[in-house]
PDB file of N, CA and C in Angstrom:
ATOM      1  N   UNK A   1     -45.364 188.158   2.787  1.00  0.00           N
ATOM      2  CA  UNK A   1     -46.093 187.522   1.711  1.00  0.00           C
ATOM      3  C   UNK A   1     -46.916 188.593   0.987  1.00  0.00           C
ATOM      4  N   UNK A   2     -46.879 188.561  -0.328  1.00  0.00           N
ATOM      5  CA  UNK A   2     -47.658 189.521  -1.111  1.00  0.00           C
ATOM      6  C   UNK A   2     -49.122 189.125  -1.113  1.00  0.00           C
ATOM      7  N   UNK A   3     -49.978 190.137  -1.032  1.00  0.00           N
ATOM      8  CA  UNK A   3     -51.426 189.936  -0.980  1.00  0.00           C
ATOM      9  C   UNK A   3     -52.036 190.466  -2.271  1.00  0.00           C
ATOM     10  N   UNK A   4     -52.792 189.602  -2.957  1.00  0.00           N
ATOM     11  CA  UNK A   4     -53.359 189.957  -4.256  1.00  0.00           C
ATOM     12  C   UNK A   4     -54.862 189.720  -4.232  1.00  0.00           C
ATOM     13  N   UNK A   5     -55.620 190.701  -4.727  1.00  0.00           N
ATOM     14  CA  UNK A   5     -57.060 190.536  -4.912  1.00  0.00           C
ATOM     15  C   UNK A   5     -57.282 190.036  -6.332  1.00  0.00           C
ATOM     16  N   UNK A   6     -58.035 188.952  -6.471  1.00  0.00           N
ATOM     17  CA  UNK A   6     -58.303 188.371  -7.785  1.00  0.00           C
ATOM     18  C   UNK A   6     -59.813 188.223  -7.945  1.00  0.00           C
ATOM     19  N   UNK A   7     -60.313 188.694  -9.078  1.00  0.00           N
ATOM     20  CA  UNK A   7     -61.750 188.621  -9.333  1.00  0.00           C
ATOM     21  C   UNK A   7     -62.227 187.179  -9.225  1.00  0.00           C
ATOM     22  N   UNK A   8     -63.342 187.009  -8.531  1.00  0.00           N
ATOM     23  CA  UNK A   8     -63.956 185.694  -8.405  1.00  0.00           C
ATOM     24  C   UNK A   8     -64.252 185.166  -9.807  1.00  0.00           C
ATOM     25  N   UNK A   9     -63.994 183.895 -10.024  1.00  0.00           N
ATOM     26  CA  UNK A   9     -64.197 183.296 -11.333  1.00  0.00           C
ATOM     27  C   UNK A   9     -62.894 183.088 -12.089  1.00  0.00           C
ATOM     28  N   UNK A  10     -61.840 183.765 -11.659  1.00  0.00           N
ATOM     29  CA  UNK A  10     -60.517 183.570 -12.270  1.00  0.00           C
ATOM     30  C   UNK A  10     -59.757 182.517 -11.458  1.00  0.00           C
ATOM     31  N   UNK A  11     -60.399 181.366 -11.294  1.00  0.00           N
ATOM     32  CA  UNK A  11     -59.890 180.305 -10.429  1.00  0.00           C
ATOM     33  C   UNK A  11     -58.487 179.832 -10.801  1.00  0.00           C
ATOM     34  N   UNK A  12     -58.177 179.614 -12.093  1.00  0.00           N
ATOM     35  CA  UNK A  12     -56.808 179.183 -12.409  1.00  0.00           C
ATOM     36  C   UNK A  12     -55.757 180.205 -11.959  1.00  0.00           C
ATOM     37  N   UNK A  13     -56.093 181.474 -12.054  1.00  0.00           N
ATOM     38  CA  UNK A  13     -55.170 182.531 -11.613  1.00  0.00           C
ATOM     39  C   UNK A  13     -55.017 182.473 -10.099  1.00  0.00           C
ATOM     40  N   UNK A  14     -56.130 182.347  -9.397  1.00  0.00           N
ATOM     41  CA  UNK A  14     -56.080 182.259  -7.938  1.00  0.00           C
ATOM     42  C   UNK A  14     -55.213 181.092  -7.495  1.00  0.00           C
ATOM     43  N   UNK A  15     -55.425 179.928  -8.099  1.00  0.00           N
ATOM     44  CA  UNK A  15     -54.683 178.729  -7.710  1.00  0.00           C
ATOM     45  C   UNK A  15     -53.190 178.876  -8.016  1.00  0.00           C
ATOM     46  N   UNK A  16     -52.860 179.409  -9.193  1.00  0.00           N
ATOM     47  CA  UNK A  16     -51.458 179.554  -9.575  1.00  0.00           C
ATOM     48  C   UNK A  16     -50.734 180.510  -8.630  1.00  0.00           C
ATOM     49  N   UNK A  17     -51.363 181.639  -8.329  1.00  0.00           N
ATOM     50  CA  UNK A  17     -50.717 182.609  -7.447  1.00  0.00           C
ATOM     51  C   UNK A  17     -50.523 182.037  -6.042  1.00  0.00           C
ATOM     52  N   UNK A  18     -51.484 181.252  -5.569  1.00  0.00           N
ATOM     53  CA  UNK A  18     -51.328 180.592  -4.265  1.00  0.00           C
ATOM     54  C   UNK A  18     -50.142 179.643  -4.292  1.00  0.00           C
ATOM     55  N   UNK A  19     -50.002 178.886  -5.393  1.00  0.00           N
ATOM     56  CA  UNK A  19     -48.879 177.960  -5.526  1.00  0.00           C
ATOM     57  C   UNK A  19     -47.537 178.694  -5.517  1.00  0.00           C
ATOM     58  N   UNK A  20     -47.557 179.952  -5.969  1.00  0.00           N
ATOM     59  CA  UNK A  20     -46.328 180.751  -6.007  1.00  0.00           C
ATOM     60  C   UNK A  20     -46.066 181.464  -4.684  1.00  0.00           C
ATOM     61  N   UNK A  21     -46.920 181.237  -3.693  1.00  0.00           N
ATOM     62  CA  UNK A  21     -46.688 181.794  -2.368  1.00  0.00           C
ATOM     63  C   UNK A  21     -47.430 183.089  -2.068  1.00  0.00           C
ATOM     64  N   UNK A  22     -48.344 183.496  -2.945  1.00  0.00           N
ATOM     65  CA  UNK A  22     -49.114 184.715  -2.712  1.00  0.00           C
ATOM     66  C   UNK A  22     -50.310 184.426  -1.812  1.00  0.00           C
ATOM     67  N   UNK A  23     -50.676 185.415  -1.024  1.00  0.00           N
ATOM     68  CA  UNK A  23     -51.952 185.378  -0.303  1.00  0.00           C
ATOM     69  C   UNK A  23     -52.985 185.927  -1.285  1.00  0.00           C
ATOM     70  N   UNK A  24     -53.979 185.113  -1.623  1.00  0.00           N
ATOM     71  CA  UNK A  24     -54.965 185.494  -2.640  1.00  0.00           C
ATOM     72  C   UNK A  24     -56.321 185.676  -1.983  1.00  0.00           C
ATOM     73  N   UNK A  25     -56.941 186.820  -2.258  1.00  0.00           N
ATOM     74  CA  UNK A  25     -58.289 187.074  -1.759  1.00  0.00           C
ATOM     75  C   UNK A  25     -59.218 187.251  -2.951  1.00  0.00           C
ATOM     76  N   UNK A  26     -60.173 186.326  -3.135  1.00  0.00           N
ATOM     77  CA  UNK A  26     -61.141 186.493  -4.222  1.00  0.00           C
ATOM     78  C   UNK A  26     -62.042 187.696  -3.928  1.00  0.00           C
ATOM     79  N   UNK A  27     -62.283 188.515  -4.940  1.00  0.00           N
ATOM     80  CA  UNK A  27     -63.180 189.655  -4.778  1.00  0.00           C
ATOM     81  C   UNK A  27     -64.264 189.580  -5.837  1.00  0.00           C
ATOM     82  N   UNK A  28     -65.442 190.052  -5.494  1.00  0.00           N
ATOM     83  CA  UNK A  28     -66.545 190.106  -6.436  1.00  0.00           C
ATOM     84  C   UNK A  28     -66.424 191.338  -7.306  1.00  0.00           C
ATOM     85  N   UNK A  29     -67.065 191.287  -8.444  1.00  0.00           N
ATOM     86  CA  UNK A  29     -67.092 192.392  -9.401  1.00  0.00           C
ATOM     87  C   UNK A  29     -67.471 193.696  -8.723  1.00  0.00           C
ATOM     88  N   UNK A  30     -68.477 193.647  -7.846  1.00  0.00           N
ATOM     89  CA  UNK A  30     -68.966 194.875  -7.218  1.00  0.00           C
ATOM     90  C   UNK A  30     -68.189 195.248  -5.957  1.00  0.00           C
ATOM     91  N   UNK A  31     -67.150 194.482  -5.628  1.00  0.00           N
ATOM     92  CA  UNK A  31     -66.385 194.769  -4.411  1.00  0.00           C
ATOM     93  C   UNK A  31     -65.108 195.539  -4.704  1.00  0.00           C
ATOM     94  N   UNK A  32     -64.942 196.039  -5.928  1.00  0.00           N
ATOM     95  CA  UNK A  32     -63.691 196.714  -6.250  1.00  0.00           C
ATOM     96  C   UNK A  32     -63.471 197.938  -5.385  1.00  0.00           C
ATOM     97  N   UNK A  33     -64.528 198.684  -5.076  1.00  0.00           N
ATOM     98  CA  UNK A  33     -64.330 199.880  -4.249  1.00  0.00           C
ATOM     99  C   UNK A  33     -63.741 199.496  -2.897  1.00  0.00           C
ATOM    100  N   UNK A  34     -64.133 198.358  -2.354  1.00  0.00           N
ATOM    101  CA  UNK A  34     -63.536 197.867  -1.111  1.00  0.00           C
ATOM    102  C   UNK A  34     -62.080 197.471  -1.358  1.00  0.00           C
ATOM    103  N   UNK A  35     -61.819 196.811  -2.482  1.00  0.00           N
ATOM    104  CA  UNK A  35     -60.461 196.364  -2.795  1.00  0.00           C
ATOM    105  C   UNK A  35     -59.504 197.545  -2.923  1.00  0.00           C
ATOM    106  N   UNK A  36     -60.001 198.672  -3.410  1.00  0.00           N
ATOM    107  CA  UNK A  36     -59.146 199.853  -3.543  1.00  0.00           C
ATOM    108  C   UNK A  36     -58.613 200.302  -2.191  1.00  0.00           C
ATOM    109  N   UNK A  37     -59.414 200.113  -1.151  1.00  0.00           N
ATOM    110  CA  UNK A  37     -59.054 200.610   0.168  1.00  0.00           C
ATOM    111  C   UNK A  37     -58.275 199.601   0.999  1.00  0.00           C
ATOM    112  N   UNK A  38     -58.155 198.383   0.521  1.00  0.00           N
ATOM    113  CA  UNK A  38     -57.397 197.357   1.226  1.00  0.00           C
ATOM    114  C   UNK A  38     -55.924 197.488   0.858  1.00  0.00           C
ATOM    115  N   UNK A  39     -55.110 196.797   1.597  1.00  0.00           N
ATOM    116  CA  UNK A  39     -53.667 196.851   1.375  1.00  0.00           C
ATOM    117  C   UNK A  39     -53.239 195.690   0.483  1.00  0.00           C
ATOM    118  N   UNK A  40     -53.553 195.780  -0.812  1.00  0.00           N
ATOM    119  CA  UNK A  40     -53.184 194.747  -1.771  1.00  0.00           C
ATOM    120  C   UNK A  40     -51.933 195.168  -2.529  1.00  0.00           C
ATOM    121  N   UNK A  41     -51.153 194.173  -2.917  1.00  0.00           N
ATOM    122  CA  UNK A  41     -49.987 194.428  -3.751  1.00  0.00           C
ATOM    123  C   UNK A  41     -50.366 194.482  -5.224  1.00  0.00           C
ATOM    124  N   UNK A  42     -51.508 193.880  -5.586  1.00  0.00           N
ATOM    125  CA  UNK A  42     -52.015 193.926  -6.957  1.00  0.00           C
ATOM    126  C   UNK A  42     -53.485 193.538  -6.940  1.00  0.00           C
ATOM    127  N   UNK A  43     -54.199 193.970  -7.980  1.00  0.00           N
ATOM    128  CA  UNK A  43     -55.606 193.628  -8.160  1.00  0.00           C
ATOM    129  C   UNK A  43     -55.749 193.089  -9.573  1.00  0.00           C
ATOM    130  N   UNK A  44     -56.315 191.885  -9.703  1.00  0.00           N
ATOM    131  CA  UNK A  44     -56.448 191.232 -11.010  1.00  0.00           C
ATOM    132  C   UNK A  44     -57.931 191.109 -11.350  1.00  0.00           C
ATOM    133  N   UNK A  45     -58.325 191.722 -12.473  1.00  0.00           N
ATOM    134  CA  UNK A  45     -59.703 191.702 -12.942  1.00  0.00           C
ATOM    135  C   UNK A  45     -59.725 191.467 -14.444  1.00  0.00           C
ATOM    136  N   UNK A  46     -60.908 191.156 -14.975  1.00  0.00           N
ATOM    137  CA  UNK A  46     -61.027 191.045 -16.419  1.00  0.00           C
ATOM    138  C   UNK A  46     -61.194 192.427 -17.015  1.00  0.00           C
ATOM    139  N   UNK A  47     -60.803 192.580 -18.268  1.00  0.00           N
ATOM    140  CA  UNK A  47     -60.873 193.870 -18.949  1.00  0.00           C
ATOM    141  C   UNK A  47     -62.263 194.439 -19.003  1.00  0.00           C
ATOM    142  N   UNK A  48     -63.271 193.568 -19.183  1.00  0.00           N
ATOM    143  CA  UNK A  48     -64.641 194.050 -19.245  1.00  0.00           C
ATOM    144  C   UNK A  48     -64.994 194.794 -17.960  1.00  0.00           C
ATOM    145  N   UNK A  49     -64.604 194.247 -16.817  1.00  0.00           N
ATOM    146  CA  UNK A  49     -64.924 194.890 -15.543  1.00  0.00           C
ATOM    147  C   UNK A  49     -64.105 196.151 -15.330  1.00  0.00           C
ATOM    148  N   UNK A  50     -62.886 196.166 -15.815  1.00  0.00           N
ATOM    149  CA  UNK A  50     -62.060 197.356 -15.688  1.00  0.00           C
ATOM    150  C   UNK A  50     -62.693 198.506 -16.465  1.00  0.00           C
ATOM    151  N   UNK A  51     -63.105 198.231 -17.703  1.00  0.00           N
ATOM    152  CA  UNK A  51     -63.728 199.267 -18.520  1.00  0.00           C
ATOM    153  C   UNK A  51     -65.070 199.707 -17.948  1.00  0.00           C
ATOM    154  N   UNK A  52     -65.858 198.741 -17.512  1.00  0.00           N
ATOM    155  CA  UNK A  52     -67.186 199.050 -17.000  1.00  0.00           C
ATOM    156  C   UNK A  52     -67.113 199.937 -15.769  1.00  0.00           C
ATOM    157  N   UNK A  53     -66.148 199.676 -14.906  1.00  0.00           N
ATOM    158  CA  UNK A  53     -66.037 200.446 -13.671  1.00  0.00           C
ATOM    159  C   UNK A  53     -65.285 201.755 -13.857  1.00  0.00           C
ATOM    160  N   UNK A  54     -64.751 201.984 -15.062  1.00  0.00           N
ATOM    161  CA  UNK A  54     -63.987 203.202 -15.285  1.00  0.00           C
ATOM    162  C   UNK A  54     -62.732 203.233 -14.438  1.00  0.00           C
ATOM    163  N   UNK A  55     -62.110 202.090 -14.281  1.00  0.00           N
ATOM    164  CA  UNK A  55     -61.009 201.974 -13.344  1.00  0.00           C
ATOM    165  C   UNK A  55     -59.703 202.555 -13.861  1.00  0.00           C
ATOM    166  N   UNK A  56     -59.701 203.138 -15.044  1.00  0.00           N
ATOM    167  CA  UNK A  56     -58.493 203.808 -15.488  1.00  0.00           C
ATOM    168  C   UNK A  56     -58.147 204.949 -14.537  1.00  0.00           C
ATOM    169  N   UNK A  57     -59.138 205.461 -13.859  1.00  0.00           N
ATOM    170  CA  UNK A  57     -58.967 206.614 -12.982  1.00  0.00           C
ATOM    171  C   UNK A  57     -58.977 206.242 -11.506  1.00  0.00           C
ATOM    172  N   UNK A  58     -58.618 205.013 -11.195  1.00  0.00           N
ATOM    173  CA  UNK A  58     -58.688 204.582  -9.810  1.00  0.00           C
ATOM    174  C   UNK A  58     -57.631 205.258  -8.964  1.00  0.00           C
ATOM    175  N   UNK A  59     -57.935 205.307  -7.686  1.00  0.00           N
ATOM    176  CA  UNK A  59     -56.997 205.920  -6.739  1.00  0.00           C
ATOM    177  C   UNK A  59     -56.421 204.831  -5.850  1.00  0.00           C
ATOM    178  N   UNK A  60     -55.762 203.877  -6.438  1.00  0.00           N
ATOM    179  CA  UNK A  60     -55.116 202.821  -5.682  1.00  0.00           C
ATOM    180  C   UNK A  60     -53.643 202.779  -6.064  1.00  0.00           C
ATOM    181  N   UNK A  61     -52.806 202.485  -5.093  1.00  0.00           N
ATOM    182  CA  UNK A  61     -51.376 202.391  -5.395  1.00  0.00           C
ATOM    183  C   UNK A  61     -51.024 201.017  -5.954  1.00  0.00           C
ATOM    184  N   UNK A  62     -51.922 200.053  -5.787  1.00  0.00           N
ATOM    185  CA  UNK A  62     -51.672 198.703  -6.293  1.00  0.00           C
ATOM    186  C   UNK A  62     -51.927 198.664  -7.795  1.00  0.00           C
ATOM    187  N   UNK A  63     -51.063 197.962  -8.544  1.00  0.00           N
ATOM    188  CA  UNK A  63     -51.325 197.834  -9.970  1.00  0.00           C
ATOM    189  C   UNK A  63     -52.604 197.042 -10.214  1.00  0.00           C
ATOM    190  N   UNK A  64     -53.410 197.503 -11.161  1.00  0.00           N
ATOM    191  CA  UNK A  64     -54.622 196.797 -11.568  1.00  0.00           C
ATOM    192  C   UNK A  64     -54.286 196.090 -12.874  1.00  0.00           C
ATOM    193  N   UNK A  65     -54.345 194.764 -12.857  1.00  0.00           N
ATOM    194  CA  UNK A  65     -53.936 193.969 -14.004  1.00  0.00           C
ATOM    195  C   UNK A  65     -55.160 193.439 -14.725  1.00  0.00           C
ATOM    196  N   UNK A  66     -55.191 193.669 -16.035  1.00  0.00           N
ATOM    197  CA  UNK A  66     -56.259 193.173 -16.893  1.00  0.00           C
ATOM    198  C   UNK A  66     -55.904 191.749 -17.298  1.00  0.00           C
ATOM    199  N   UNK A  67     -56.648 190.770 -16.801  1.00  0.00           N
ATOM    200  CA  UNK A  67     -56.356 189.364 -17.028  1.00  0.00           C
ATOM    201  C   UNK A  67     -56.857 188.849 -18.377  1.00  0.00           C
ATOM    202  N   UNK A  68     -57.527 189.676 -19.139  1.00  0.00           N
ATOM    203  CA  UNK A  68     -58.113 189.238 -20.404  1.00  0.00           C
ATOM    204  C   UNK A  68     -57.049 188.675 -21.333  1.00  0.00           C
ATOM    205  N   UNK A  69     -57.234 187.422 -21.742  1.00  0.00           N
ATOM    206  CA  UNK A  69     -56.334 186.784 -22.694  1.00  0.00           C
ATOM    207  C   UNK A  69     -54.978 186.392 -22.137  1.00  0.00           C
ATOM    208  N   UNK A  70     -54.791 186.508 -20.834  1.00  0.00           N
ATOM    209  CA  UNK A  70     -53.493 186.192 -20.231  1.00  0.00           C
ATOM    210  C   UNK A  70     -53.556 184.856 -19.493  1.00  0.00           C
ATOM    211  N   UNK A  71     -52.433 184.157 -19.486  1.00  0.00           N
ATOM    212  CA  UNK A  71     -52.322 182.931 -18.707  1.00  0.00           C
ATOM    213  C   UNK A  71     -51.997 183.303 -17.259  1.00  0.00           C
ATOM    214  N   UNK A  72     -52.213 182.385 -16.334  1.00  0.00           N
ATOM    215  CA  UNK A  72     -51.819 182.675 -14.947  1.00  0.00           C
ATOM    216  C   UNK A  72     -50.335 183.030 -14.825  1.00  0.00           C
ATOM    217  N   UNK A  73     -49.499 182.392 -15.630  1.00  0.00           N
ATOM    218  CA  UNK A  73     -48.071 182.671 -15.599  1.00  0.00           C
ATOM    219  C   UNK A  73     -47.778 184.102 -16.045  1.00  0.00           C
ATOM    220  N   UNK A  74     -48.481 184.562 -17.082  1.00  0.00           N
ATOM    221  CA  UNK A  74     -48.289 185.930 -17.573  1.00  0.00           C
ATOM    222  C   UNK A  74     -48.743 186.950 -16.534  1.00  0.00           C
ATOM    223  N   UNK A  75     -49.828 186.642 -15.847  1.00  0.00           N
ATOM    224  CA  UNK A  75     -50.314 187.542 -14.789  1.00  0.00           C
ATOM    225  C   UNK A  75     -49.300 187.596 -13.653  1.00  0.00           C
ATOM    226  N   UNK A  76     -48.763 186.449 -13.289  1.00  0.00           N
ATOM    227  CA  UNK A  76     -47.719 186.377 -12.261  1.00  0.00           C
ATOM    228  C   UNK A  76     -46.528 187.254 -12.656  1.00  0.00           C
ATOM    229  N   UNK A  77     -46.117 187.155 -13.912  1.00  0.00           N
ATOM    230  CA  UNK A  77     -45.007 187.981 -14.401  1.00  0.00           C
ATOM    231  C   UNK A  77     -45.331 189.466 -14.312  1.00  0.00           C
ATOM    232  N   UNK A  78     -46.569 189.844 -14.659  1.00  0.00           N
ATOM    233  CA  UNK A  78     -46.990 191.248 -14.583  1.00  0.00           C
ATOM    234  C   UNK A  78     -46.921 191.761 -13.140  1.00  0.00           C
ATOM    235  N   UNK A  79     -47.372 190.939 -12.207  1.00  0.00           N
ATOM    236  CA  UNK A  79     -47.319 191.340 -10.801  1.00  0.00           C
ATOM    237  C   UNK A  79     -45.873 191.548 -10.368  1.00  0.00           C
ATOM    238  N   UNK A  80     -45.015 190.616 -10.748  1.00  0.00           N
ATOM    239  CA  UNK A  80     -43.605 190.731 -10.347  1.00  0.00           C
ATOM    240  C   UNK A  80     -42.911 191.910 -11.019  1.00  0.00           C
ATOM    241  N   UNK A  81     -43.271 192.234 -12.249  1.00  0.00           N
ATOM    242  CA  UNK A  81     -42.678 193.388 -12.940  1.00  0.00           C
ATOM    243  C   UNK A  81     -43.034 194.685 -12.241  1.00  0.00           C
ATOM    244  N   UNK A  82     -44.170 194.712 -11.598  1.00  0.00           N
ATOM    245  CA  UNK A  82     -44.598 195.928 -10.899  1.00  0.00           C
ATOM    246  C   UNK A  82     -43.687 196.221  -9.704  1.00  0.00           C
ATOM    247  N   UNK A  83     -42.900 195.240  -9.276  1.00  0.00           N
ATOM    248  CA  UNK A  83     -42.053 195.414  -8.095  1.00  0.00           C
ATOM    249  C   UNK A  83     -40.576 195.436  -8.395  1.00  0.00           C
ATOM    250  N   UNK A  84     -40.193 195.560  -9.672  1.00  0.00           N
ATOM    251  CA  UNK A  84     -38.773 195.627 -10.033  1.00  0.00           C
ATOM    252  C   UNK A  84     -38.226 197.014  -9.795  1.00  0.00           C
TER     253      UNK A  84
END
């Protein structure tokens, strides 16, 4: 089962990914440094938090997905594209 970290507050995304069979772990805005070190298949955050944390330079092998303006279905597609 794929494990995805999803920023707390993105409840529709969390629920949709769970329905699709993903293990979803809600993470807080300030917990990203912990999320980088966990074994996640993807990390979903809002763009504001990505920019604020300077996460363009992160050292994680998991794709970091900017959920801004995206539907849960689009985020699901982005996660799956990362594994093609």
